Amino acid sequence: MKTNKATKLMMMYGLAAAMSMDEDIYSSHKEFTEDELNRMKQVKQKRIKTIIPKNHKEFFYGENSVWALNKKNADRKAKSKGYLCT
């Protein structure tokens, strides 16, 4: 199999890069600093924005609610979710 110069150079640089890497990169255990832990906690505590569809009304079925255009569609959605038993 013939190889051109570009392929040989890529293999040479790839091997050199693999040999020069530290073994710490491949370990699965990493200790986080206090700053990193605080940043992760802040990300977890952000509130998720609730999506309210336009022109929809909220219909309540006990403690649960369904967003729909009208009562008929709301009943159908509630029945499929198991909120309404008929």
C-alpha atoms as a PDB file:
ATOM      1  CA  MET A   1       0.000   0.000   0.000  1.00  0.00           C
ATOM      2  CA  LYS A   2       1.461   3.320  -1.025  1.00  0.00           C
ATOM      3  CA  THR A   3       1.110   6.316   1.245  1.00  0.00           C
ATOM      4  CA  ASN A   4       1.715   9.887   0.305  1.00  0.00           C
ATOM      5  CA  LYS A   5       3.691  12.450   2.322  1.00  0.00           C
ATOM      6  CA  ALA A   6       0.587  14.054   3.824  1.00  0.00           C
ATOM      7  CA  THR A   7      -0.608  10.730   5.253  1.00  0.00           C
ATOM      8  CA  LYS A   8       2.821  10.004   6.722  1.00  0.00           C
ATOM      9  CA  LEU A   9       2.956  13.453   8.310  1.00  0.00           C
ATOM     10  CA  MET A  10      -0.538  13.033   9.803  1.00  0.00           C
ATOM     11  CA  MET A  11       0.430   9.687  11.313  1.00  0.00           C
ATOM     12  CA  MET A  12       3.677  11.122  12.698  1.00  0.00           C
ATOM     13  CA  TYR A  13       1.960  14.133  14.282  1.00  0.00           C
ATOM     14  CA  GLY A  14      -0.844  11.948  15.638  1.00  0.00           C
ATOM     15  CA  LEU A  15       1.573   9.585  17.327  1.00  0.00           C
ATOM     16  CA  ALA A  16       3.601  12.478  18.730  1.00  0.00           C
ATOM     17  CA  ALA A  17       0.461  14.106  20.140  1.00  0.00           C
ATOM     18  CA  ALA A  18      -0.738  10.844  21.684  1.00  0.00           C
ATOM     19  CA  MET A  19       2.589  10.234  23.376  1.00  0.00           C
ATOM     20  CA  SER A  20       2.859  13.761  24.779  1.00  0.00           C
ATOM     21  CA  MET A  21      -0.565  13.762  26.497  1.00  0.00           C
ATOM     22  CA  ASP A  22      -0.734  13.443  30.266  1.00  0.00           C
ATOM     23  CA  GLU A  23      -2.316  10.379  31.825  1.00  0.00           C
ATOM     24  CA  ASP A  24      -4.529  12.619  34.004  1.00  0.00           C
ATOM     25  CA  ILE A  25      -6.692  13.393  30.990  1.00  0.00           C
ATOM     26  CA  TYR A  26      -7.745   9.763  30.680  1.00  0.00           C
ATOM     27  CA  SER A  27      -8.667   9.207  34.337  1.00  0.00           C
ATOM     28  CA  SER A  28     -12.386   9.177  35.113  1.00  0.00           C
ATOM     29  CA  HIS A  29     -12.029  10.776  38.566  1.00  0.00           C
ATOM     30  CA  LYS A  30     -11.760  14.544  38.875  1.00  0.00           C
ATOM     31  CA  GLU A  31     -11.946  16.676  41.992  1.00  0.00           C
ATOM     32  CA  PHE A  32     -13.866  19.919  41.506  1.00  0.00           C
ATOM     33  CA  THR A  33     -12.845  23.212  43.082  1.00  0.00           C
ATOM     34  CA  GLU A  34     -15.218  25.253  45.232  1.00  0.00           C
ATOM     35  CA  ASP A  35     -15.814  27.720  42.395  1.00  0.00           C
ATOM     36  CA  GLU A  36     -16.782  24.943  39.981  1.00  0.00           C
ATOM     37  CA  LEU A  37     -19.151  23.406  42.552  1.00  0.00           C
ATOM     38  CA  ASN A  38     -20.820  26.777  43.183  1.00  0.00           C
ATOM     39  CA  ARG A  39     -21.284  27.351  39.437  1.00  0.00           C
ATOM     40  CA  MET A  40     -22.864  23.899  39.031  1.00  0.00           C
ATOM     41  CA  LYS A  41     -25.258  24.558  41.919  1.00  0.00           C
ATOM     42  CA  GLN A  42     -26.318  27.884  40.370  1.00  0.00           C
ATOM     43  CA  VAL A  43     -27.057  26.201  37.054  1.00  0.00           C
ATOM     44  CA  LYS A  44     -29.220  23.575  38.758  1.00  0.00           C
ATOM     45  CA  GLN A  45     -31.221  26.211  40.661  1.00  0.00           C
ATOM     46  CA  LYS A  46     -32.345  28.190  37.603  1.00  0.00           C
ATOM     47  CA  ARG A  47     -36.091  28.099  37.055  1.00  0.00           C
ATOM     48  CA  ILE A  48     -37.410  26.496  33.918  1.00  0.00           C
ATOM     49  CA  LYS A  49     -39.553  28.828  31.841  1.00  0.00           C
ATOM     50  CA  THR A  50     -43.069  27.502  31.408  1.00  0.00           C
ATOM     51  CA  ILE A  51     -44.438  27.626  27.889  1.00  0.00           C
ATOM     52  CA  ILE A  52     -47.987  28.956  27.614  1.00  0.00           C
ATOM     53  CA  PRO A  53     -49.521  28.469  24.157  1.00  0.00           C
ATOM     54  CA  LYS A  54     -51.224  31.483  22.592  1.00  0.00           C
ATOM     55  CA  ASN A  55     -55.037  31.599  22.587  1.00  0.00           C
ATOM     56  CA  HIS A  56     -55.214  28.657  24.999  1.00  0.00           C
ATOM     57  CA  LYS A  57     -56.990  28.579  28.349  1.00  0.00           C
ATOM     58  CA  GLU A  58     -56.058  26.557  31.394  1.00  0.00           C
ATOM     59  CA  PHE A  59     -58.629  23.970  32.459  1.00  0.00           C
ATOM     60  CA  PHE A  60     -58.281  22.373  35.885  1.00  0.00           C
ATOM     61  CA  TYR A  61     -59.004  18.735  36.720  1.00  0.00           C
ATOM     62  CA  GLY A  62     -58.457  18.389  40.437  1.00  0.00           C
ATOM     63  CA  GLU A  63     -54.818  19.262  41.172  1.00  0.00           C
ATOM     64  CA  ASN A  64     -53.855  18.891  37.501  1.00  0.00           C
ATOM     65  CA  SER A  65     -54.394  21.327  34.665  1.00  0.00           C
ATOM     66  CA  VAL A  66     -54.523  21.179  30.873  1.00  0.00           C
ATOM     67  CA  TRP A  67     -53.999  23.957  28.311  1.00  0.00           C
ATOM     68  CA  ALA A  68     -56.482  23.818  25.425  1.00  0.00           C
ATOM     69  CA  LEU A  69     -58.499  25.977  23.043  1.00  0.00           C
ATOM     70  CA  ASN A  70     -61.882  24.840  24.353  1.00  0.00           C
ATOM     71  CA  LYS A  71     -63.512  22.556  26.921  1.00  0.00           C
ATOM     72  CA  LYS A  72     -64.015  19.692  24.456  1.00  0.00           C
ATOM     73  CA  ASN A  73     -60.297  19.529  23.579  1.00  0.00           C
ATOM     74  CA  ALA A  74     -59.382  19.945  27.240  1.00  0.00           C
ATOM     75  CA  ASP A  75     -61.555  16.968  28.180  1.00  0.00           C
ATOM     76  CA  ARG A  76     -59.918  14.868  25.446  1.00  0.00           C
ATOM     77  CA  LYS A  77     -56.406  15.812  26.623  1.00  0.00           C
ATOM     78  CA  ALA A  78     -57.285  15.218  30.282  1.00  0.00           C
ATOM     79  CA  LYS A  79     -58.736  11.817  29.453  1.00  0.00           C
ATOM     80  CA  SER A  80     -55.589  10.794  27.534  1.00  0.00           C
ATOM     81  CA  LYS A  81     -53.400  11.914  30.454  1.00  0.00           C
ATOM     82  CA  GLY A  82     -55.576  10.054  32.937  1.00  0.00           C
ATOM     83  CA  TYR A  83     -56.909  13.109  34.790  1.00  0.00           C
ATOM     84  CA  LEU A  84     -60.514  12.494  33.754  1.00  0.00           C
ATOM     85  CA  CYS A  85     -62.196   9.136  34.171  1.00  0.00           C
ATOM     86  CA  THR A  86     -65.544   8.605  32.450  1.00  0.00           C
END
